[in-house]
């Protein structure tokens, strides 16, 4: 179940990235795009490439995970 939620979150981040990049590139004039070496027909491809680079957010670490390994070993309680 968690893997499914992580996958859905990643797809949502990629979709948002795609929409954001596409919207920004569409605001430029043809001349500005040409100065960047981009044609208006390349906008979709570039937005898709940017979306594919989106990564999942790192998991939040607990206080125990933030401690260096040496401290965890030193202060671990043996039962």
PDB file of N, CA and C in Angstrom:
ATOM      1  N   UNK A   1       0.824  -1.194   0.000  1.00  0.00           N
ATOM      2  CA  UNK A   1       0.000   0.000   0.000  1.00  0.00           C
ATOM      3  C   UNK A   1       0.869   1.259   0.000  1.00  0.00           C
ATOM      4  N   UNK A   2       1.951   1.223   0.783  1.00  0.00           N
ATOM      5  CA  UNK A   2       2.825   2.388   0.860  1.00  0.00           C
ATOM      6  C   UNK A   2       3.506   2.626  -0.484  1.00  0.00           C
ATOM      7  N   UNK A   3       3.921   1.546  -1.142  1.00  0.00           N
ATOM      8  CA  UNK A   3       4.566   1.687  -2.452  1.00  0.00           C
ATOM      9  C   UNK A   3       3.607   2.340  -3.453  1.00  0.00           C
ATOM     10  N   UNK A   4       2.338   1.984  -3.390  1.00  0.00           N
ATOM     11  CA  UNK A   4       1.349   2.571  -4.279  1.00  0.00           C
ATOM     12  C   UNK A   4       1.224   4.070  -4.020  1.00  0.00           C
ATOM     13  N   UNK A   5       1.176   4.455  -2.753  1.00  0.00           N
ATOM     14  CA  UNK A   5       1.079   5.873  -2.411  1.00  0.00           C
ATOM     15  C   UNK A   5       2.332   6.637  -2.838  1.00  0.00           C
ATOM     16  N   UNK A   6       3.496   6.011  -2.682  1.00  0.00           N
ATOM     17  CA  UNK A   6       4.737   6.648  -3.129  1.00  0.00           C
ATOM     18  C   UNK A   6       4.722   6.841  -4.643  1.00  0.00           C
ATOM     19  N   UNK A   7       4.222   5.857  -5.363  1.00  0.00           N
ATOM     20  CA  UNK A   7       4.156   5.937  -6.829  1.00  0.00           C
ATOM     21  C   UNK A   7       3.188   7.040  -7.272  1.00  0.00           C
ATOM     22  N   UNK A   8       2.051   7.127  -6.610  1.00  0.00           N
ATOM     23  CA  UNK A   8       1.069   8.164  -6.934  1.00  0.00           C
ATOM     24  C   UNK A   8       1.654   9.547  -6.645  1.00  0.00           C
ATOM     25  N   UNK A   9       2.362   9.675  -5.526  1.00  0.00           N
ATOM     26  CA  UNK A   9       2.992  10.947  -5.180  1.00  0.00           C
ATOM     27  C   UNK A   9       4.025  11.343  -6.220  1.00  0.00           C
ATOM     28  N   UNK A  10       4.827  10.376  -6.666  1.00  0.00           N
ATOM     29  CA  UNK A  10       5.838  10.654  -7.682  1.00  0.00           C
ATOM     30  C   UNK A  10       5.182  11.088  -8.993  1.00  0.00           C
ATOM     31  N   UNK A  11       4.123  10.414  -9.397  1.00  0.00           N
ATOM     32  CA  UNK A  11       3.422  10.796 -10.625  1.00  0.00           C
ATOM     33  C   UNK A  11       2.826  12.197 -10.519  1.00  0.00           C
ATOM     34  N   UNK A  12       2.316  12.537  -9.342  1.00  0.00           N
ATOM     35  CA  UNK A  12       1.762  13.882  -9.130  1.00  0.00           C
ATOM     36  C   UNK A  12       2.863  14.936  -9.208  1.00  0.00           C
ATOM     37  N   UNK A  13       4.035  14.640  -8.641  1.00  0.00           N
ATOM     38  CA  UNK A  13       5.162  15.586  -8.718  1.00  0.00           C
ATOM     39  C   UNK A  13       5.616  15.764 -10.160  1.00  0.00           C
ATOM     40  N   UNK A  14       5.664  14.658 -10.912  1.00  0.00           N
ATOM     41  CA  UNK A  14       6.081  14.742 -12.311  1.00  0.00           C
ATOM     42  C   UNK A  14       5.072  15.536 -13.134  1.00  0.00           C
ATOM     43  N   UNK A  15       3.795  15.323 -12.889  1.00  0.00           N
ATOM     44  CA  UNK A  15       2.760  16.064 -13.623  1.00  0.00           C
ATOM     45  C   UNK A  15       2.861  17.557 -13.310  1.00  0.00           C
ATOM     46  N   UNK A  16       3.074  17.889 -12.045  1.00  0.00           N
ATOM     47  CA  UNK A  16       3.193  19.296 -11.659  1.00  0.00           C
ATOM     48  C   UNK A  16       4.427  19.928 -12.306  1.00  0.00           C
ATOM     49  N   UNK A  17       5.519  19.186 -12.354  1.00  0.00           N
ATOM     50  CA  UNK A  17       6.731  19.691 -13.002  1.00  0.00           C
ATOM     51  C   UNK A  17       6.486  19.919 -14.485  1.00  0.00           C
ATOM     52  N   UNK A  18       5.839  18.966 -15.128  1.00  0.00           N
ATOM     53  CA  UNK A  18       5.522  19.093 -16.554  1.00  0.00           C
ATOM     54  C   UNK A  18       4.690  20.348 -16.806  1.00  0.00           C
ATOM     55  N   UNK A  19       3.643  20.521 -16.027  1.00  0.00           N
ATOM     56  CA  UNK A  19       2.751  21.671 -16.206  1.00  0.00           C
ATOM     57  C   UNK A  19       3.487  22.990 -15.972  1.00  0.00           C
ATOM     58  N   UNK A  20       4.330  23.033 -14.940  1.00  0.00           N
ATOM     59  CA  UNK A  20       5.053  24.260 -14.601  1.00  0.00           C
ATOM     60  C   UNK A  20       6.045  24.643 -15.701  1.00  0.00           C
ATOM     61  N   UNK A  21       6.814  23.669 -16.183  1.00  0.00           N
ATOM     62  CA  UNK A  21       7.813  23.951 -17.222  1.00  0.00           C
ATOM     63  C   UNK A  21       7.123  24.352 -18.518  1.00  0.00           C
ATOM     64  N   UNK A  22       6.084  23.633 -18.875  1.00  0.00           N
ATOM     65  CA  UNK A  22       5.374  23.943 -20.116  1.00  0.00           C
ATOM     66  C   UNK A  22       4.763  25.344 -20.069  1.00  0.00           C
ATOM     67  N   UNK A  23       4.136  25.671 -18.942  1.00  0.00           N
ATOM     68  CA  UNK A  23       3.513  26.988 -18.804  1.00  0.00           C
ATOM     69  C   UNK A  23       4.556  28.103 -18.886  1.00  0.00           C
ATOM     70  N   UNK A  24       5.706  27.883 -18.261  1.00  0.00           N
ATOM     71  CA  UNK A  24       6.747  28.913 -18.305  1.00  0.00           C
ATOM     72  C   UNK A  24       7.301  29.090 -19.717  1.00  0.00           C
ATOM     73  N   UNK A  25       7.592  27.993 -20.389  1.00  0.00           N
ATOM     74  CA  UNK A  25       8.146  28.097 -21.740  1.00  0.00           C
ATOM     75  C   UNK A  25       7.159  28.723 -22.716  1.00  0.00           C
ATOM     76  N   UNK A  26       5.867  28.503 -22.513  1.00  0.00           N
ATOM     77  CA  UNK A  26       4.869  29.077 -23.407  1.00  0.00           C
ATOM     78  C   UNK A  26       4.723  30.582 -23.235  1.00  0.00           C
ATOM     79  N   UNK A  27       5.256  31.134 -22.137  1.00  0.00           N
ATOM     80  CA  UNK A  27       5.175  32.582 -21.944  1.00  0.00           C
ATOM     81  C   UNK A  27       6.223  33.332 -22.765  1.00  0.00           C
ATOM     82  N   UNK A  28       7.258  32.630 -23.232  1.00  0.00           N
ATOM     83  CA  UNK A  28       8.319  33.277 -24.002  1.00  0.00           C
ATOM     84  C   UNK A  28       7.879  33.519 -25.440  1.00  0.00           C
ATOM     85  N   UNK A  29       8.433  34.564 -26.025  1.00  0.00           N
ATOM     86  CA  UNK A  29       8.174  34.837 -27.440  1.00  0.00           C
ATOM     87  C   UNK A  29       9.012  33.886 -28.283  1.00  0.00           C
ATOM     88  N   UNK A  30       8.681  33.801 -29.577  1.00  0.00           N
ATOM     89  CA  UNK A  30       9.457  32.949 -30.475  1.00  0.00           C
ATOM     90  C   UNK A  30      10.917  33.383 -30.515  1.00  0.00           C
ATOM     91  N   UNK A  31      11.141  34.672 -30.452  1.00  0.00           N
ATOM     92  CA  UNK A  31      12.517  35.172 -30.478  1.00  0.00           C
ATOM     93  C   UNK A  31      13.286  34.744 -29.230  1.00  0.00           C
ATOM     94  N   UNK A  32      12.656  34.850 -28.068  1.00  0.00           N
ATOM     95  CA  UNK A  32      13.316  34.439 -26.827  1.00  0.00           C
ATOM     96  C   UNK A  32      13.617  32.944 -26.836  1.00  0.00           C
ATOM     97  N   UNK A  33      12.661  32.161 -27.307  1.00  0.00           N
ATOM     98  CA  UNK A  33      12.894  30.719 -27.405  1.00  0.00           C
ATOM     99  C   UNK A  33      14.036  30.423 -28.369  1.00  0.00           C
ATOM    100  N   UNK A  34      14.054  31.129 -29.500  1.00  0.00           N
ATOM    101  CA  UNK A  34      15.105  30.939 -30.491  1.00  0.00           C
ATOM    102  C   UNK A  34      16.475  31.297 -29.905  1.00  0.00           C
ATOM    103  N   UNK A  35      16.531  32.346 -29.088  1.00  0.00           N
ATOM    104  CA  UNK A  35      17.781  32.726 -28.431  1.00  0.00           C
ATOM    105  C   UNK A  35      18.292  31.613 -27.502  1.00  0.00           C
ATOM    106  N   UNK A  36      17.371  30.844 -26.933  1.00  0.00           N
ATOM    107  CA  UNK A  36      17.740  29.731 -26.062  1.00  0.00           C
ATOM    108  C   UNK A  36      18.000  28.449 -26.850  1.00  0.00           C
ATOM    109  N   UNK A  37      17.780  28.502 -28.153  1.00  0.00           N
ATOM    110  CA  UNK A  37      17.980  27.321 -28.980  1.00  0.00           C
ATOM    111  C   UNK A  37      16.808  26.358 -28.937  1.00  0.00           C
ATOM    112  N   UNK A  38      15.634  26.896 -28.647  1.00  0.00           N
ATOM    113  CA  UNK A  38      14.424  26.079 -28.523  1.00  0.00           C
ATOM    114  C   UNK A  38      13.405  26.557 -29.538  1.00  0.00           C
ATOM    115  N   UNK A  39      12.760  25.621 -30.206  1.00  0.00           N
ATOM    116  CA  UNK A  39      11.645  25.957 -31.071  1.00  0.00           C
ATOM    117  C   UNK A  39      10.348  25.754 -30.318  1.00  0.00           C
ATOM    118  N   UNK A  40       9.298  26.406 -30.752  1.00  0.00           N
ATOM    119  CA  UNK A  40       8.012  26.261 -30.067  1.00  0.00           C
ATOM    120  C   UNK A  40       7.546  24.803 -30.058  1.00  0.00           C
ATOM    121  N   UNK A  41       7.911  24.055 -31.088  1.00  0.00           N
ATOM    122  CA  UNK A  41       7.542  22.637 -31.145  1.00  0.00           C
ATOM    123  C   UNK A  41       8.310  21.761 -30.169  1.00  0.00           C
ATOM    124  N   UNK A  42       9.370  22.296 -29.578  1.00  0.00           N
ATOM    125  CA  UNK A  42      10.177  21.537 -28.618  1.00  0.00           C
ATOM    126  C   UNK A  42       9.667  21.645 -27.188  1.00  0.00           C
ATOM    127  N   UNK A  43       8.710  22.497 -26.942  1.00  0.00           N
ATOM    128  CA  UNK A  43       8.256  22.758 -25.574  1.00  0.00           C
ATOM    129  C   UNK A  43       7.751  21.488 -24.899  1.00  0.00           C
ATOM    130  N   UNK A  44       6.935  20.718 -25.584  1.00  0.00           N
ATOM    131  CA  UNK A  44       6.389  19.503 -24.982  1.00  0.00           C
ATOM    132  C   UNK A  44       7.496  18.524 -24.624  1.00  0.00           C
ATOM    133  N   UNK A  45       8.447  18.337 -25.533  1.00  0.00           N
ATOM    134  CA  UNK A  45       9.546  17.404 -25.283  1.00  0.00           C
ATOM    135  C   UNK A  45      10.379  17.850 -24.086  1.00  0.00           C
ATOM    136  N   UNK A  46      10.675  19.123 -24.014  1.00  0.00           N
ATOM    137  CA  UNK A  46      11.484  19.642 -22.914  1.00  0.00           C
ATOM    138  C   UNK A  46      10.746  19.500 -21.587  1.00  0.00           C
ATOM    139  N   UNK A  47       9.449  19.778 -21.588  1.00  0.00           N
ATOM    140  CA  UNK A  47       8.658  19.638 -20.364  1.00  0.00           C
ATOM    141  C   UNK A  47       8.603  18.179 -19.919  1.00  0.00           C
ATOM    142  N   UNK A  48       8.477  17.255 -20.871  1.00  0.00           N
ATOM    143  CA  UNK A  48       8.480  15.829 -20.525  1.00  0.00           C
ATOM    144  C   UNK A  48       9.825  15.396 -19.960  1.00  0.00           C
ATOM    145  N   UNK A  49      10.906  15.902 -20.538  1.00  0.00           N
ATOM    146  CA  UNK A  49      12.236  15.573 -20.020  1.00  0.00           C
ATOM    147  C   UNK A  49      12.413  16.109 -18.602  1.00  0.00           C
ATOM    148  N   UNK A  50      11.957  17.322 -18.356  1.00  0.00           N
ATOM    149  CA  UNK A  50      12.059  17.896 -17.017  1.00  0.00           C
ATOM    150  C   UNK A  50      11.238  17.085 -16.019  1.00  0.00           C
ATOM    151  N   UNK A  51      10.057  16.646 -16.437  1.00  0.00           N
ATOM    152  CA  UNK A  51       9.199  15.853 -15.550  1.00  0.00           C
ATOM    153  C   UNK A  51       9.835  14.508 -15.231  1.00  0.00           C
ATOM    154  N   UNK A  52      10.543  13.936 -16.195  1.00  0.00           N
ATOM    155  CA  UNK A  52      11.153  12.624 -15.944  1.00  0.00           C
ATOM    156  C   UNK A  52      12.293  12.719 -14.942  1.00  0.00           C
ATOM    157  N   UNK A  53      12.823  13.914 -14.725  1.00  0.00           N
ATOM    158  CA  UNK A  53      13.907  14.101 -13.767  1.00  0.00           C
ATOM    159  C   UNK A  53      13.410  14.287 -12.332  1.00  0.00           C
ATOM    160  N   UNK A  54      12.117  14.475 -12.161  1.00  0.00           N
ATOM    161  CA  UNK A  54      11.556  14.649 -10.819  1.00  0.00           C
ATOM    162  C   UNK A  54      11.753  13.366 -10.028  1.00  0.00           C
ATOM    163  N   UNK A  55      12.176  13.521  -8.784  1.00  0.00           N
ATOM    164  CA  UNK A  55      12.423  12.371  -7.918  1.00  0.00           C
ATOM    165  C   UNK A  55      11.491  12.417  -6.726  1.00  0.00           C
ATOM    166  N   UNK A  56      11.281  11.276  -6.101  1.00  0.00           N
ATOM    167  CA  UNK A  56      10.437  11.287  -4.906  1.00  0.00           C
ATOM    168  C   UNK A  56      11.107  12.051  -3.781  1.00  0.00           C
ATOM    169  N   UNK A  57      10.307  12.613  -2.903  1.00  0.00           N
ATOM    170  CA  UNK A  57      10.859  13.324  -1.767  1.00  0.00           C
ATOM    171  C   UNK A  57      11.492  12.314  -0.823  1.00  0.00           C
ATOM    172  N   UNK A  58      12.610  12.678  -0.210  1.00  0.00           N
ATOM    173  CA  UNK A  58      13.215  11.744   0.746  1.00  0.00           C
ATOM    174  C   UNK A  58      12.299  11.563   1.948  1.00  0.00           C
ATOM    175  N   UNK A  59      12.358  10.371   2.511  1.00  0.00           N
ATOM    176  CA  UNK A  59      11.531  10.088   3.679  1.00  0.00           C
ATOM    177  C   UNK A  59      12.028  10.899   4.867  1.00  0.00           C
ATOM    178  N   UNK A  60      11.091  11.316   5.694  1.00  0.00           N
ATOM    179  CA  UNK A  60      11.458  12.036   6.904  1.00  0.00           C
ATOM    180  C   UNK A  60      12.170  11.073   7.852  1.00  0.00           C
ATOM    181  N   UNK A  61      13.268  11.519   8.406  1.00  0.00           N
ATOM    182  CA  UNK A  61      14.022  10.675   9.309  1.00  0.00           C
ATOM    183  C   UNK A  61      13.553  10.870  10.740  1.00  0.00           C
ATOM    184  N   UNK A  62      13.594   9.797  11.504  1.00  0.00           N
ATOM    185  CA  UNK A  62      13.293   9.892  12.923  1.00  0.00           C
ATOM    186  C   UNK A  62      14.531  10.402  13.634  1.00  0.00           C
ATOM    187  N   UNK A  63      14.376  10.780  14.865  1.00  0.00           N
ATOM    188  CA  UNK A  63      15.522  11.267  15.649  1.00  0.00           C
ATOM    189  C   UNK A  63      16.603  10.197  15.728  1.00  0.00           C
ATOM    190  N   UNK A  64      16.209   8.965  15.863  1.00  0.00           N
ATOM    191  CA  UNK A  64      17.165   7.853  15.944  1.00  0.00           C
ATOM    192  C   UNK A  64      17.968   7.719  14.650  1.00  0.00           C
ATOM    193  N   UNK A  65      17.331   7.909  13.507  1.00  0.00           N
ATOM    194  CA  UNK A  65      18.017   7.783  12.227  1.00  0.00           C
ATOM    195  C   UNK A  65      18.971   8.943  11.966  1.00  0.00           C
ATOM    196  N   UNK A  66      18.721  10.087  12.583  1.00  0.00           N
ATOM    197  CA  UNK A  66      19.578  11.250  12.373  1.00  0.00           C
ATOM    198  C   UNK A  66      20.899  11.141  13.131  1.00  0.00           C
ATOM    199  N   UNK A  67      20.909  10.350  14.206  1.00  0.00           N
ATOM    200  CA  UNK A  67      22.136  10.209  14.988  1.00  0.00           C
ATOM    201  C   UNK A  67      23.177   9.432  14.201  1.00  0.00           C
ATOM    202  N   UNK A  68      24.413   9.816  14.336  1.00  0.00           N
ATOM    203  CA  UNK A  68      25.461   9.035  13.679  1.00  0.00           C
ATOM    204  C   UNK A  68      25.470   7.596  14.202  1.00  0.00           C
ATOM    205  N   UNK A  69      25.896   6.675  13.368  1.00  0.00           N
ATOM    206  CA  UNK A  69      25.889   5.249  13.716  1.00  0.00           C
ATOM    207  C   UNK A  69      26.685   4.977  14.985  1.00  0.00           C
ATOM    208  N   UNK A  70      27.807   5.666  15.162  1.00  0.00           N
ATOM    209  CA  UNK A  70      28.635   5.437  16.335  1.00  0.00           C
ATOM    210  C   UNK A  70      27.885   5.761  17.614  1.00  0.00           C
ATOM    211  N   UNK A  71      27.153   6.868  17.622  1.00  0.00           N
ATOM    212  CA  UNK A  71      26.384   7.227  18.812  1.00  0.00           C
ATOM    213  C   UNK A  71      25.270   6.222  19.068  1.00  0.00           C
ATOM    214  N   UNK A  72      24.640   5.745  18.006  1.00  0.00           N
ATOM    215  CA  UNK A  72      23.588   4.741  18.191  1.00  0.00           C
ATOM    216  C   UNK A  72      24.154   3.496  18.830  1.00  0.00           C
ATOM    217  N   UNK A  73      25.352   3.087  18.414  1.00  0.00           N
ATOM    218  CA  UNK A  73      25.966   1.888  18.983  1.00  0.00           C
ATOM    219  C   UNK A  73      26.389   2.127  20.423  1.00  0.00           C
ATOM    220  N   UNK A  74      26.953   3.299  20.692  1.00  0.00           N
ATOM    221  CA  UNK A  74      27.476   3.589  22.018  1.00  0.00           C
ATOM    222  C   UNK A  74      26.372   3.653  23.052  1.00  0.00           C
ATOM    223  N   UNK A  75      25.251   4.242  22.701  1.00  0.00           N
ATOM    224  CA  UNK A  75      24.184   4.457  23.666  1.00  0.00           C
ATOM    225  C   UNK A  75      23.034   3.486  23.521  1.00  0.00           C
ATOM    226  N   UNK A  76      23.198   2.456  22.723  1.00  0.00           N
ATOM    227  CA  UNK A  76      22.147   1.460  22.578  1.00  0.00           C
ATOM    228  C   UNK A  76      22.037   0.679  23.874  1.00  0.00           C
ATOM    229  N   UNK A  77      20.821   0.378  24.249  1.00  0.00           N
ATOM    230  CA  UNK A  77      20.616  -0.404  25.460  1.00  0.00           C
ATOM    231  C   UNK A  77      20.421  -1.858  25.102  1.00  0.00           C
ATOM    232  N   UNK A  78      21.155  -2.698  25.735  1.00  0.00           N
ATOM    233  CA  UNK A  78      21.008  -4.138  25.513  1.00  0.00           C
ATOM    234  C   UNK A  78      20.034  -4.690  26.537  1.00  0.00           C
ATOM    235  N   UNK A  79      19.042  -5.379  26.066  1.00  0.00           N
ATOM    236  CA  UNK A  79      18.045  -5.934  26.981  1.00  0.00           C
ATOM    237  C   UNK A  79      18.361  -7.346  27.314  1.00  0.00           C
TER     238      UNK A  79
END
